[in-house]
Each structure stands twice: as C-alpha cells, then as structure tokens.
Amino acid sequence: MNTLHLYHGRFDPRQTMDDWGFEGPLLHGVKSIAVTYLNSLSVWFTSEAEAAAAKKITGWESCDVDGLWVETHEDMVVTTDPDGTKKYYGDWSLTVDKEGNVWGTPTALNWAAI
C-alpha cells in the first residue's frame, strides 16, 4: 500500500517555524501523483473508497471518481477539516511499500526494509 504523509504542519502559513510543527494525515491507497509545472497537483487512489476517505480528511476537490486535486498555498499543501479549519503543510512524502505495511515518515531504517 502506498501512503502519502503530510507533516511540518501549521495553522497560519505566515508562521515562522522553530520546530517541525504538527503531524498531518496519512492518506492510504495512493496509486499515483501527477504534477503539472509545479502548479497543479492531483493524487490518484486505488479505489473510490480510498479517494472518498482522503477527501473527507483533506477537503480536497474531486477530479474524478478516484482522484483529488491537491489544494496548495504558495509552497505548502493545504487541507481543510470538516469544521472549516485550514492546515498548512511544508513537507510531504510518498512511501511505497510492497508488503502492505504502513511505514509513516521514511527513514534510513525503513527505506532499507522496503
């Protein structure tokens, strides 16, 4: 299962970070990510159910039954909670795991195991 992990979070995009901020969501079942001119990003999932689960967590708009448009602000990925709270993430990673394990943020140890 491929997992997209958002992290280095903050509530205000202008916030000067003096640490890593908060952890963001883990989006499971990622099939692919498409980027156009570093301006438009979309994430495609292995099923409609995975896309729907990610949409509920992120608030991103659908671009197809199994794809979502990633909301961005300047150089950050943005999610919107169901209550309307926006969260801004400076980092994201895609972890590819052929065994079906969720590794979270890649490290030298777990990259070696993949």
Protein backbone atom coordinates (compact mmCIF):
# COMPACT_ATOMS: atom_id res chain seq x y z
CA MET A 1 0.00 0.00 0.00
CA ASN A 2 1.34 3.44 -0.91
CA THR A 3 0.85 6.16 1.68
CA LEU A 4 1.05 9.94 1.34
CA HIS A 5 2.10 11.56 4.61
CA LEU A 6 1.71 15.30 5.27
CA TYR A 7 3.80 16.86 8.04
CA HIS A 8 5.57 20.04 9.21
CA GLY A 9 2.10 21.47 9.82
CA ARG A 10 0.91 24.86 10.99
CA PHE A 11 -2.37 26.78 11.16
CA ASP A 12 -1.01 30.04 9.73
CA PRO A 13 1.03 29.96 6.51
CA ARG A 14 2.98 33.05 7.65
CA GLN A 15 4.09 31.37 10.87
CA THR A 16 7.85 31.29 11.36
CA MET A 17 8.64 27.71 12.29
CA ASP A 18 11.10 26.98 15.09
CA ASP A 19 10.34 23.25 15.13
CA TRP A 20 8.65 20.64 12.91
CA GLY A 21 5.08 21.67 13.67
CA PHE A 22 2.38 19.04 13.85
CA GLU A 23 1.90 15.77 12.02
CA GLY A 24 -0.63 15.66 9.25
CA PRO A 25 -2.80 12.89 7.90
CA LEU A 26 -1.70 9.63 6.34
CA LEU A 27 -3.56 9.10 3.06
CA HIS A 28 -3.66 5.40 2.20
CA GLY A 29 -4.13 3.65 -1.11
CA VAL A 30 -2.28 6.18 -3.26
CA LYS A 31 -1.88 4.92 -6.83
CA SER A 32 -0.11 7.92 -8.34
CA ILE A 33 0.59 11.63 -8.08
CA ALA A 34 0.51 13.96 -11.08
CA VAL A 35 2.22 17.36 -11.11
CA THR A 36 1.91 19.96 -13.85
CA TYR A 37 4.52 22.75 -13.86
CA LEU A 38 4.77 22.52 -10.04
CA ASN A 39 1.48 24.39 -10.10
CA SER A 40 -1.24 21.76 -10.25
CA LEU A 41 -1.12 18.56 -8.20
CA SER A 42 -3.50 15.64 -8.18
CA VAL A 43 -3.47 12.41 -6.21
CA TRP A 44 -5.00 9.22 -7.59
CA PHE A 45 -6.12 6.36 -5.36
CA THR A 46 -6.51 2.62 -5.79
CA SER A 47 -10.27 2.82 -5.24
CA GLU A 48 -13.19 5.20 -4.97
CA ALA A 49 -13.41 4.35 -1.26
CA GLU A 50 -9.79 5.40 -0.63
CA ALA A 51 -10.36 8.65 -2.56
CA ALA A 52 -13.55 9.35 -0.57
CA ALA A 53 -11.73 8.71 2.73
CA ALA A 54 -8.91 11.08 1.70
CA LYS A 55 -11.42 13.73 0.58
CA LYS A 56 -13.10 13.60 3.98
CA ILE A 57 -9.73 14.07 5.74
CA THR A 58 -8.34 16.77 3.42
CA GLY A 59 -11.30 18.63 1.99
CA TRP A 60 -9.69 18.43 -1.48
CA GLU A 61 -11.97 18.59 -4.52
CA SER A 62 -12.58 15.53 -6.69
CA CYS A 63 -11.05 15.47 -10.17
CA ASP A 64 -12.50 12.03 -10.96
CA VAL A 65 -14.08 9.17 -9.01
CA ASP A 66 -10.68 8.08 -7.71
CA GLY A 67 -8.67 11.34 -7.88
CA LEU A 68 -8.39 14.57 -5.89
CA TRP A 69 -6.96 17.99 -6.67
CA VAL A 70 -4.40 18.93 -4.00
CA GLU A 71 -5.02 22.39 -2.58
CA THR A 72 -1.87 24.49 -2.25
CA HIS A 73 -0.88 27.87 -0.87
CA GLU A 74 2.45 29.21 -2.10
CA ASP A 75 4.85 26.33 -1.32
CA MET A 76 2.58 24.40 1.07
CA VAL A 77 -0.10 21.73 0.81
CA VAL A 78 -3.40 22.80 2.40
CA THR A 79 -6.09 20.65 3.99
CA THR A 80 -9.47 21.79 5.27
CA ASP A 81 -11.07 19.97 8.20
CA PRO A 82 -14.84 19.29 8.14
CA ASP A 83 -15.26 22.24 10.56
CA GLY A 84 -13.51 24.56 8.07
CA THR A 85 -10.12 24.76 9.83
CA LYS A 86 -7.31 25.11 7.31
CA LYS A 87 -3.95 23.44 7.96
CA TYR A 88 -0.77 24.11 6.01
CA TYR A 89 1.99 21.53 5.49
CA GLY A 90 5.53 22.30 4.39
CA ASP A 91 6.52 18.67 3.78
CA TRP A 92 5.02 15.54 2.33
CA SER A 93 6.32 12.13 1.46
CA LEU A 94 5.10 9.16 -0.51
CA THR A 95 6.03 5.83 0.99
CA VAL A 96 5.87 2.85 -1.33
CA ASP A 97 5.51 -0.46 0.47
CA LYS A 98 5.14 -3.65 -1.48
CA GLU A 99 4.30 -5.68 1.64
CA GLY A 100 1.23 -3.68 2.70
CA ASN A 101 2.83 -2.18 5.82
CA VAL A 102 2.43 1.50 6.70
CA TRP A 103 5.81 3.00 7.47
CA GLY A 104 4.96 6.67 8.08
CA THR A 105 7.77 9.12 7.50
CA PRO A 106 10.63 7.45 5.61
CA THR A 107 13.88 6.98 7.48
CA ALA A 108 17.11 5.23 6.58
CA LEU A 109 15.98 2.19 8.56
CA ASN A 110 12.59 1.69 7.00
CA TRP A 111 13.71 2.65 3.47
CA ALA A 112 16.24 -0.16 3.68
CA ALA A 113 13.45 -2.59 4.56
CA ILE A 114 11.29 -1.68 1.57
